[in-house]
C-alpha atoms as a PDB file:
ATOM      1  CA  MET A   1     195.480 107.434 222.352  1.00  0.00           C
ATOM      2  CA  ILE A   2     197.675 108.733 225.136  1.00  0.00           C
ATOM      3  CA  SER A   3     197.490 112.450 224.359  1.00  0.00           C
ATOM      4  CA  GLY A   4     196.717 114.998 221.683  1.00  0.00           C
ATOM      5  CA  GLN A   5     197.559 118.662 221.162  1.00  0.00           C
ATOM      6  CA  VAL A   6     196.223 121.166 218.625  1.00  0.00           C
ATOM      7  CA  LEU A   7     199.202 123.060 217.183  1.00  0.00           C
ATOM      8  CA  THR A   8     197.115 125.556 215.192  1.00  0.00           C
ATOM      9  CA  PRO A   9     194.895 127.654 217.501  1.00  0.00           C
ATOM     10  CA  ALA A  10     193.046 129.523 214.711  1.00  0.00           C
ATOM     11  CA  ILE A  11     192.374 128.832 211.024  1.00  0.00           C
ATOM     12  CA  ALA A  12     191.042 131.437 208.570  1.00  0.00           C
ATOM     13  CA  LEU A  13     189.669 129.635 205.527  1.00  0.00           C
ATOM     14  CA  SER A  14     189.458 132.875 203.543  1.00  0.00           C
ATOM     15  CA  ASP A  15     193.088 133.928 203.950  1.00  0.00           C
ATOM     16  CA  PHE A  16     196.647 132.599 203.731  1.00  0.00           C
ATOM     17  CA  ALA A  17     198.182 130.874 206.733  1.00  0.00           C
ATOM     18  CA  ASN A  18     199.768 133.429 209.100  1.00  0.00           C
ATOM     19  CA  GLY A  19     203.104 134.709 207.808  1.00  0.00           C
ATOM     20  CA  THR A  20     202.969 132.677 204.567  1.00  0.00           C
ATOM     21  CA  THR A  21     201.524 132.666 201.067  1.00  0.00           C
ATOM     22  CA  LYS A  22     200.244 129.113 201.572  1.00  0.00           C
ATOM     23  CA  ALA A  23     196.694 127.874 201.914  1.00  0.00           C
ATOM     24  CA  PRO A  24     195.361 127.540 205.472  1.00  0.00           C
ATOM     25  CA  PHE A  25     196.497 124.455 207.343  1.00  0.00           C
ATOM     26  CA  ALA A  26     195.950 122.781 210.690  1.00  0.00           C
ATOM     27  CA  GLY A  27     198.421 120.862 212.812  1.00  0.00           C
ATOM     28  CA  VAL A  28     198.046 118.329 215.583  1.00  0.00           C
ATOM     29  CA  LYS A  29     200.440 116.230 217.630  1.00  0.00           C
ATOM     30  CA  LEU A  30     199.170 112.801 218.701  1.00  0.00           C
ATOM     31  CA  THR A  31     200.790 110.288 221.017  1.00  0.00           C
ATOM     32  CA  LEU A  32     199.528 106.736 220.541  1.00  0.00           C
ATOM     33  CA  THR A  33     200.447 103.336 221.903  1.00  0.00           C
ATOM     34  CA  ASP A  34     199.881  99.800 220.644  1.00  0.00           C
ATOM     35  CA  THR A  35     198.807  97.424 223.393  1.00  0.00           C
ATOM     36  CA  GLY A  36     197.839  94.570 221.068  1.00  0.00           C
ATOM     37  CA  SER A  37     199.548  91.205 221.254  1.00  0.00           C
ATOM     38  CA  THR A  38     198.824  89.752 217.820  1.00  0.00           C
ATOM     39  CA  ALA A  39     200.261  90.326 214.359  1.00  0.00           C
ATOM     40  CA  LEU A  40     197.029  92.085 213.308  1.00  0.00           C
ATOM     41  CA  ALA A  41     196.940  94.444 216.289  1.00  0.00           C
ATOM     42  CA  GLY A  42     198.359  97.911 216.026  1.00  0.00           C
ATOM     43  CA  ILE A  43     197.790 101.470 214.964  1.00  0.00           C
ATOM     44  CA  ALA A  44     197.259 101.997 211.253  1.00  0.00           C
ATOM     45  CA  GLY A  45     196.519 105.704 211.310  1.00  0.00           C
ATOM     46  CA  ALA A  46     194.624 108.575 212.897  1.00  0.00           C
ATOM     47  CA  GLU A  47     191.950 110.987 211.732  1.00  0.00           C
ATOM     48  CA  VAL A  48     191.253 114.457 213.118  1.00  0.00           C
ATOM     49  CA  ALA A  49     188.355 116.775 212.226  1.00  0.00           C
ATOM     50  CA  PHE A  50     188.084 120.502 212.946  1.00  0.00           C
ATOM     51  CA  CYS A  51     184.425 121.574 212.807  1.00  0.00           C
ATOM     52  CA  ILE A  52     182.505 124.790 213.406  1.00  0.00           C
ATOM     53  CA  ALA A  53     179.370 124.430 215.521  1.00  0.00           C
ATOM     54  CA  GLY A  54     176.195 124.199 213.484  1.00  0.00           C
ATOM     55  CA  ASN A  55     175.670 122.864 209.984  1.00  0.00           C
ATOM     56  CA  ASN A  56     179.090 123.823 208.589  1.00  0.00           C
ATOM     57  CA  PRO A  57     181.759 121.861 206.716  1.00  0.00           C
ATOM     58  CA  CYS A  58     184.730 120.406 208.562  1.00  0.00           C
ATOM     59  CA  ILE A  59     188.430 120.244 207.793  1.00  0.00           C
ATOM     60  CA  GLU A  60     189.574 116.635 208.104  1.00  0.00           C
ATOM     61  CA  MET A  61     193.096 115.222 208.281  1.00  0.00           C
ATOM     62  CA  LEU A  62     194.044 111.569 207.882  1.00  0.00           C
ATOM     63  CA  ALA A  63     197.495 110.253 208.682  1.00  0.00           C
ATOM     64  CA  THR A  64     198.704 106.730 208.070  1.00  0.00           C
ATOM     65  CA  ILE A  65     201.705 105.022 209.571  1.00  0.00           C
ATOM     66  CA  THR A  66     204.179 102.872 207.681  1.00  0.00           C
ATOM     67  CA  LEU A  67     206.467 100.804 209.875  1.00  0.00           C
ATOM     68  CA  THR A  68     209.631  99.157 208.718  1.00  0.00           C
ATOM     69  CA  PRO A  69     211.148  96.206 210.574  1.00  0.00           C
END
């Protein structure tokens, strides 16, 4: 991973997302690079978890990448 940025500074699980009538959501921007040299090397996806300190549940996001030749 080269860099990562959280695009959503605050998430209220008990309310709509700011300015919308949609469920809360989180956003991240990731920059990745593939330095592998074989056909099996590469980036298949990324996972991000937002957790509150203590014994609390987390919000997890999983993104997969589909490449076309």
